[in-house]
Protein backbone atom coordinates (compact mmCIF):
# COMPACT_ATOMS: atom_id res chain seq x y z
CA UNK A 1 60.32 19.27 8.66
CA UNK A 2 63.67 20.09 7.08
CA UNK A 3 63.04 23.83 6.91
CA UNK A 4 60.92 26.33 8.85
CA UNK A 5 60.43 30.10 9.09
CA UNK A 6 59.37 31.69 12.39
CA UNK A 7 58.20 35.27 13.14
CA UNK A 8 58.03 36.83 16.61
CA UNK A 9 56.91 40.39 17.47
CA UNK A 10 58.65 42.94 19.64
CA UNK A 11 57.03 43.60 23.00
CA UNK A 12 56.92 46.25 25.67
CA UNK A 13 56.40 45.28 29.29
CA UNK A 14 55.26 46.91 32.55
CA UNK A 15 53.41 49.74 30.78
CA UNK A 16 53.88 51.97 33.81
CA UNK A 17 52.26 50.38 36.87
CA UNK A 18 51.97 46.76 35.63
CA UNK A 19 55.40 45.75 36.91
CA UNK A 20 56.41 42.23 35.82
CA UNK A 21 52.88 41.29 34.71
CA UNK A 22 51.70 43.47 31.79
CA UNK A 23 53.02 42.96 28.27
CA UNK A 24 52.01 44.31 24.86
CA UNK A 25 52.94 43.14 21.35
CA UNK A 26 54.34 45.68 18.88
CA UNK A 27 54.38 45.61 15.08
CA UNK A 28 58.15 45.10 14.78
CA UNK A 29 59.42 41.61 14.03
CA UNK A 30 62.34 39.23 14.29
CA UNK A 31 62.46 36.25 11.95
CA UNK A 32 64.55 33.10 11.93
CA UNK A 33 64.84 30.48 9.21
CA UNK A 34 65.82 26.98 10.34
CA UNK A 35 67.13 24.31 7.99
CA UNK A 36 68.50 20.87 8.73
CA UNK A 37 71.69 20.62 6.71
CA UNK A 38 75.41 20.01 7.07
CA UNK A 39 77.12 18.42 10.04
CA UNK A 40 77.26 21.23 12.61
CA UNK A 41 75.47 24.31 13.92
CA UNK A 42 75.74 27.43 11.78
CA UNK A 43 74.13 30.70 12.97
CA UNK A 44 73.99 34.02 11.12
CA UNK A 45 72.54 37.33 12.32
CA UNK A 46 71.50 40.18 10.03
CA UNK A 47 70.47 43.75 10.86
CA UNK A 48 69.87 44.50 14.57
CA UNK A 49 72.40 42.79 16.81
CA UNK A 50 74.66 41.59 14.02
CA UNK A 51 77.65 43.17 15.77
CA UNK A 52 76.67 42.04 19.29
CA UNK A 53 74.91 38.70 19.24
CA UNK A 54 76.91 35.44 19.31
CA UNK A 55 76.79 33.10 16.34
CA UNK A 56 77.65 29.88 18.17
CA UNK A 57 75.69 27.55 20.44
CA UNK A 58 75.35 30.35 23.04
CA UNK A 59 73.10 32.34 20.70
CA UNK A 60 69.70 32.58 22.42
CA UNK A 61 67.79 31.21 19.43
CA UNK A 62 70.12 28.19 19.20
CA UNK A 63 70.07 27.72 22.98
CA UNK A 64 66.25 27.71 23.11
CA UNK A 65 66.10 25.31 20.15
CA UNK A 66 68.42 22.92 21.99
CA UNK A 67 66.47 23.33 25.24
CA UNK A 68 63.22 22.24 23.58
CA UNK A 69 64.87 19.10 22.22
CA UNK A 70 66.30 18.27 25.65
CA UNK A 71 62.93 18.92 27.31
CA UNK A 72 61.22 16.57 24.85
CA UNK A 73 64.10 14.05 25.06
CA UNK A 74 64.66 14.21 21.33
CA UNK A 75 67.86 13.69 19.41
CA UNK A 76 69.24 16.93 18.03
CA UNK A 77 69.82 17.23 14.26
CA UNK A 78 73.41 16.55 13.26
CA UNK A 79 73.56 19.79 11.30
CA UNK A 80 71.44 22.91 11.67
CA UNK A 81 71.51 26.32 10.01
CA UNK A 82 69.75 29.24 11.73
CA UNK A 83 69.47 32.51 9.80
CA UNK A 84 68.24 35.39 11.98
CA UNK A 85 66.80 38.58 10.49
CA UNK A 86 66.25 41.06 13.31
CA UNK A 87 64.28 44.30 13.48
CA UNK A 88 64.19 44.43 17.30
CA UNK A 89 67.19 46.26 18.78
CA UNK A 90 69.22 44.31 21.35
CA UNK A 91 69.15 45.41 24.99
CA UNK A 92 66.45 47.97 24.28
CA UNK A 93 63.59 46.94 26.54
CA UNK A 94 61.62 45.83 23.47
CA UNK A 95 61.71 42.10 24.08
CA UNK A 96 64.62 41.01 21.88
CA UNK A 97 65.59 38.28 24.36
CA UNK A 98 62.01 36.99 24.60
CA UNK A 99 61.83 36.99 20.81
CA UNK A 100 65.01 34.94 20.62
CA UNK A 101 63.67 32.39 23.06
CA UNK A 102 60.39 31.96 21.17
CA UNK A 103 62.12 31.80 17.80
CA UNK A 104 64.19 28.89 19.09
CA UNK A 105 61.31 27.06 20.76
CA UNK A 106 58.94 27.40 17.81
CA UNK A 107 61.72 26.51 15.39
CA UNK A 108 62.32 23.33 17.38
CA UNK A 109 58.59 22.53 17.33
CA UNK A 110 58.52 22.88 13.57
CA UNK A 111 61.72 20.98 12.79
CA UNK A 112 61.02 18.14 15.24
CA UNK A 113 57.34 17.84 14.36
CA UNK A 114 56.57 17.78 18.08
CA UNK A 115 53.74 20.20 18.77
CA UNK A 116 53.53 21.98 22.11
CA UNK A 117 50.56 23.78 23.65
CA UNK A 118 50.83 27.52 24.25
CA UNK A 119 50.89 27.11 28.04
CA UNK A 120 53.75 24.61 27.77
CA UNK A 121 55.70 26.94 25.50
CA UNK A 122 55.09 29.82 27.90
CA UNK A 123 56.42 27.82 30.85
CA UNK A 124 59.52 26.81 28.89
CA UNK A 125 60.08 30.34 27.58
CA UNK A 126 59.61 31.96 30.98
CA UNK A 127 62.11 29.54 32.52
CA UNK A 128 64.70 30.51 29.90
CA UNK A 129 63.85 34.23 29.98
CA UNK A 130 63.46 34.54 33.75
CA UNK A 131 60.00 36.12 33.63
CA UNK A 132 56.86 35.89 31.51
CA UNK A 133 55.67 39.41 30.73
CA UNK A 134 57.45 39.79 27.37
CA UNK A 135 57.17 36.16 26.25
CA UNK A 136 53.43 36.05 27.03
CA UNK A 137 52.76 39.14 24.91
CA UNK A 138 54.86 37.79 22.03
CA UNK A 139 53.32 34.32 22.25
CA UNK A 140 49.68 35.43 22.44
CA UNK A 141 49.76 38.88 20.78
CA UNK A 142 47.79 41.89 21.96
CA UNK A 143 47.85 42.83 25.65
CA UNK A 144 48.59 40.13 28.22
CA UNK A 145 48.59 39.81 31.99
CA UNK A 146 50.87 37.01 33.22
CA UNK A 147 50.95 35.92 36.86
CA UNK A 148 53.08 33.14 38.35
CA UNK A 149 51.09 30.36 40.04
CA UNK A 150 53.66 27.95 41.44
CA UNK A 151 55.37 26.20 38.54
CA UNK A 152 52.97 27.52 35.88
CA UNK A 153 51.49 30.82 34.70
CA UNK A 154 48.02 32.30 34.74
CA UNK A 155 47.62 34.38 31.56
CA UNK A 156 44.83 36.51 30.22
CA UNK A 157 44.92 38.08 26.76
CA UNK A 158 43.07 41.23 25.73
CA UNK A 159 42.39 42.44 22.21
CA UNK A 160 43.72 45.96 21.73
CA UNK A 161 42.88 48.41 18.93
CA UNK A 162 45.83 49.57 16.84
CA UNK A 163 47.46 52.43 18.74
CA UNK A 164 50.39 54.40 17.35
CA UNK A 165 53.59 54.28 19.36
CA UNK A 166 56.99 55.95 19.29
CA UNK A 167 59.91 54.15 20.89
CA UNK A 168 63.05 56.17 21.56
CA UNK A 169 66.20 54.15 22.28
CA UNK A 170 69.06 56.18 23.79
CA UNK A 171 72.65 55.14 23.24
CA UNK A 172 72.90 53.86 26.81
CA UNK A 173 73.93 50.34 27.77
CA UNK A 174 71.59 49.10 30.50
CA UNK A 175 71.34 45.37 31.11
CA UNK A 176 68.28 43.77 32.63
CA UNK A 177 70.50 42.71 35.52
CA UNK A 178 71.57 46.30 36.21
CA UNK A 179 67.97 47.47 35.97
CA UNK A 180 66.94 44.79 38.48
CA UNK A 181 69.71 45.63 40.89
CA UNK A 182 68.58 49.27 40.95
CA UNK A 183 65.27 48.32 42.54
CA UNK A 184 64.77 48.47 46.32
CA UNK A 185 64.01 45.30 48.27
CA UNK A 186 61.07 47.01 49.96
CA UNK A 187 58.73 49.81 48.90
CA UNK A 188 56.33 52.00 50.88
CA UNK A 189 52.81 50.61 51.25
CA UNK A 190 51.42 53.76 49.63
CA UNK A 191 53.53 53.13 46.51
CA UNK A 192 52.21 49.56 46.24
CA UNK A 193 48.64 50.86 46.48
CA UNK A 194 49.43 53.56 43.90
CA UNK A 195 50.42 50.91 41.34
CA UNK A 196 47.72 48.37 42.24
CA UNK A 197 45.02 51.00 41.71
CA UNK A 198 46.33 52.05 38.29
CA UNK A 199 47.15 48.68 36.70
CA UNK A 200 43.52 47.68 35.91
CA UNK A 201 42.90 51.18 34.57
CA UNK A 202 45.81 50.80 32.16
CA UNK A 203 44.33 47.50 30.93
CA UNK A 204 40.93 49.12 30.41
CA UNK A 205 42.50 52.11 28.66
CA UNK A 206 44.29 49.89 26.12
CA UNK A 207 41.24 47.70 25.52
CA UNK A 208 39.01 50.72 24.92
CA UNK A 209 41.66 52.77 23.12
CA UNK A 210 40.96 55.48 25.71
CA UNK A 211 43.99 57.76 25.49
CA UNK A 212 42.72 60.15 28.15
CA UNK A 213 42.47 57.32 30.67
CA UNK A 214 45.86 55.96 29.61
CA UNK A 215 47.45 59.39 30.10
CA UNK A 216 45.97 59.64 33.58
CA UNK A 217 46.78 56.10 34.74
CA UNK A 218 50.08 55.02 33.12
CA UNK A 219 52.32 56.09 35.99
CA UNK A 220 54.51 54.10 38.34
CA UNK A 221 56.28 54.24 41.70
CA UNK A 222 57.79 50.74 41.90
CA UNK A 223 60.47 50.73 39.21
CA UNK A 224 60.59 53.82 36.97
CA UNK A 225 61.86 56.33 39.58
CA UNK A 226 64.82 54.04 40.33
CA UNK A 227 65.64 53.02 36.76
CA UNK A 228 65.36 56.51 35.27
CA UNK A 229 68.37 57.48 37.41
CA UNK A 230 70.45 55.03 35.35
CA UNK A 231 69.42 56.62 32.03
CA UNK A 232 70.91 60.07 31.32
CA UNK A 233 68.09 62.22 29.95
CA UNK A 234 65.47 59.59 30.73
CA UNK A 235 63.38 61.71 33.09
CA UNK A 236 63.58 64.64 30.68
CA UNK A 237 62.50 62.45 27.75
CA UNK A 238 59.55 61.09 29.70
CA UNK A 239 58.43 64.61 30.58
CA UNK A 240 58.89 65.79 26.98
CA UNK A 241 56.75 62.98 25.61
CA UNK A 242 53.99 63.72 28.08
CA UNK A 243 54.16 67.43 27.29
CA UNK A 244 53.58 66.44 23.64
CA UNK A 245 50.33 64.76 24.67
CA UNK A 246 51.45 61.13 24.76
CA UNK A 247 51.13 58.47 27.45
CA UNK A 248 54.77 57.64 28.18
CA UNK A 249 56.55 54.91 30.13
CA UNK A 250 59.84 53.08 30.27
CA UNK A 251 59.67 50.21 27.80
CA UNK A 252 60.31 47.18 29.97
CA UNK A 253 63.42 47.73 32.04
CA UNK A 254 64.62 50.42 29.62
CA UNK A 255 66.57 52.20 28.40
CA UNK A 256 63.91 52.79 25.72
CA UNK A 257 60.99 55.12 26.35
CA UNK A 258 57.66 54.32 24.69
CA UNK A 259 54.96 56.89 23.93
CA UNK A 260 51.41 55.94 22.92
CA UNK A 261 49.35 58.43 20.94
CA UNK A 262 45.81 58.76 19.63
CA UNK A 263 47.17 59.84 16.23
CA UNK A 264 50.61 60.42 14.76
CA UNK A 265 53.27 59.40 17.30
CA UNK A 266 56.15 61.14 15.53
CA UNK A 267 55.84 64.54 17.33
CA UNK A 268 56.06 62.85 20.74
CA UNK A 269 58.94 60.71 19.50
CA UNK A 270 60.82 63.74 18.21
CA UNK A 271 60.25 65.56 21.51
CA UNK A 272 61.77 62.64 23.43
CA UNK A 273 64.61 62.35 20.93
CA UNK A 274 65.47 66.03 21.37
CA UNK A 275 65.32 65.72 25.17
CA UNK A 276 68.04 63.08 25.04
CA UNK A 277 70.09 65.10 22.58
CA UNK A 278 69.95 68.17 24.84
CA UNK A 279 71.88 66.25 27.50
CA UNK A 280 74.36 64.91 24.94
CA UNK A 281 72.83 61.44 24.47
CA UNK A 282 72.29 60.17 20.94
CA UNK A 283 69.08 58.19 20.40
CA UNK A 284 67.12 56.32 17.75
CA UNK A 285 63.42 56.66 17.00
CA UNK A 286 61.20 53.71 16.04
CA UNK A 287 57.64 54.38 14.90
CA UNK A 288 55.36 51.40 15.29
CA UNK A 289 51.94 50.38 16.58
CA UNK A 290 50.32 47.76 18.78
CA UNK A 291 49.47 44.44 17.14
CA UNK A 292 47.13 41.54 17.81
CA UNK A 293 49.36 39.20 15.81
CA UNK A 294 51.48 36.73 17.73
CA UNK A 295 54.55 34.56 17.28
CA UNK A 296 53.97 32.03 14.55
CA UNK A 297 55.39 29.33 12.32
CA UNK A 298 55.01 30.61 8.76
């Protein structure tokens, strides 16, 4: 193919107790158009990340595209134009990096004409991303559980009813590396049991659309207590969302907070927004919902 358009959804990972294994697709999308033309690489970025993302060969979409060609031992096109149209904020905990990786890999599949199975794409994407929770949810859609098994991944996908969600992104720079470094090397046995007991309940709650169960089970002791200390107003926002009746968690490694609601998610989102503003932190509110749709070549 000389031209291809790819769509990849935003994702939220962990979902409270499901540290590094649970992921969920959200109805917010990044798109990239690939066209073989010219004699060099040309990358453009519009909307989210246009002032932060590189537009050379280090751009994640371009890097993943190139990685697929190298993996398949294919000759790269002499000239390639990649036009990115982003709705997923960068560094938000909403899977923008995973989306970039999958845009590049699927774009390479389309342009090269070399199909790849989903499990192969997941292994490639996880190697580039560093973990599989976000890429699995974006690749398969819905709710996913991804577990490393040696050099491959064991993944299970669950269909989830459309649940309303509010994502509040504070104006706080928090890299995934910083969020990782905040975690302890060891945790108390009781904290491990606390999370292990709640993770299957969170899965059941999403599958059934059971908001009462989700409210009672979406809690965590392995990562949130440590990462919330890095986010001014984070603990207050989490409490405010819960007081508004939502099931609330850090979205991925943060700094975003995500609130799931049985109905309109805006009141919970506004409550979290105001909690950040009370401590002098500006924030943005995104209203979205869960989706069963996955990354695709259009």
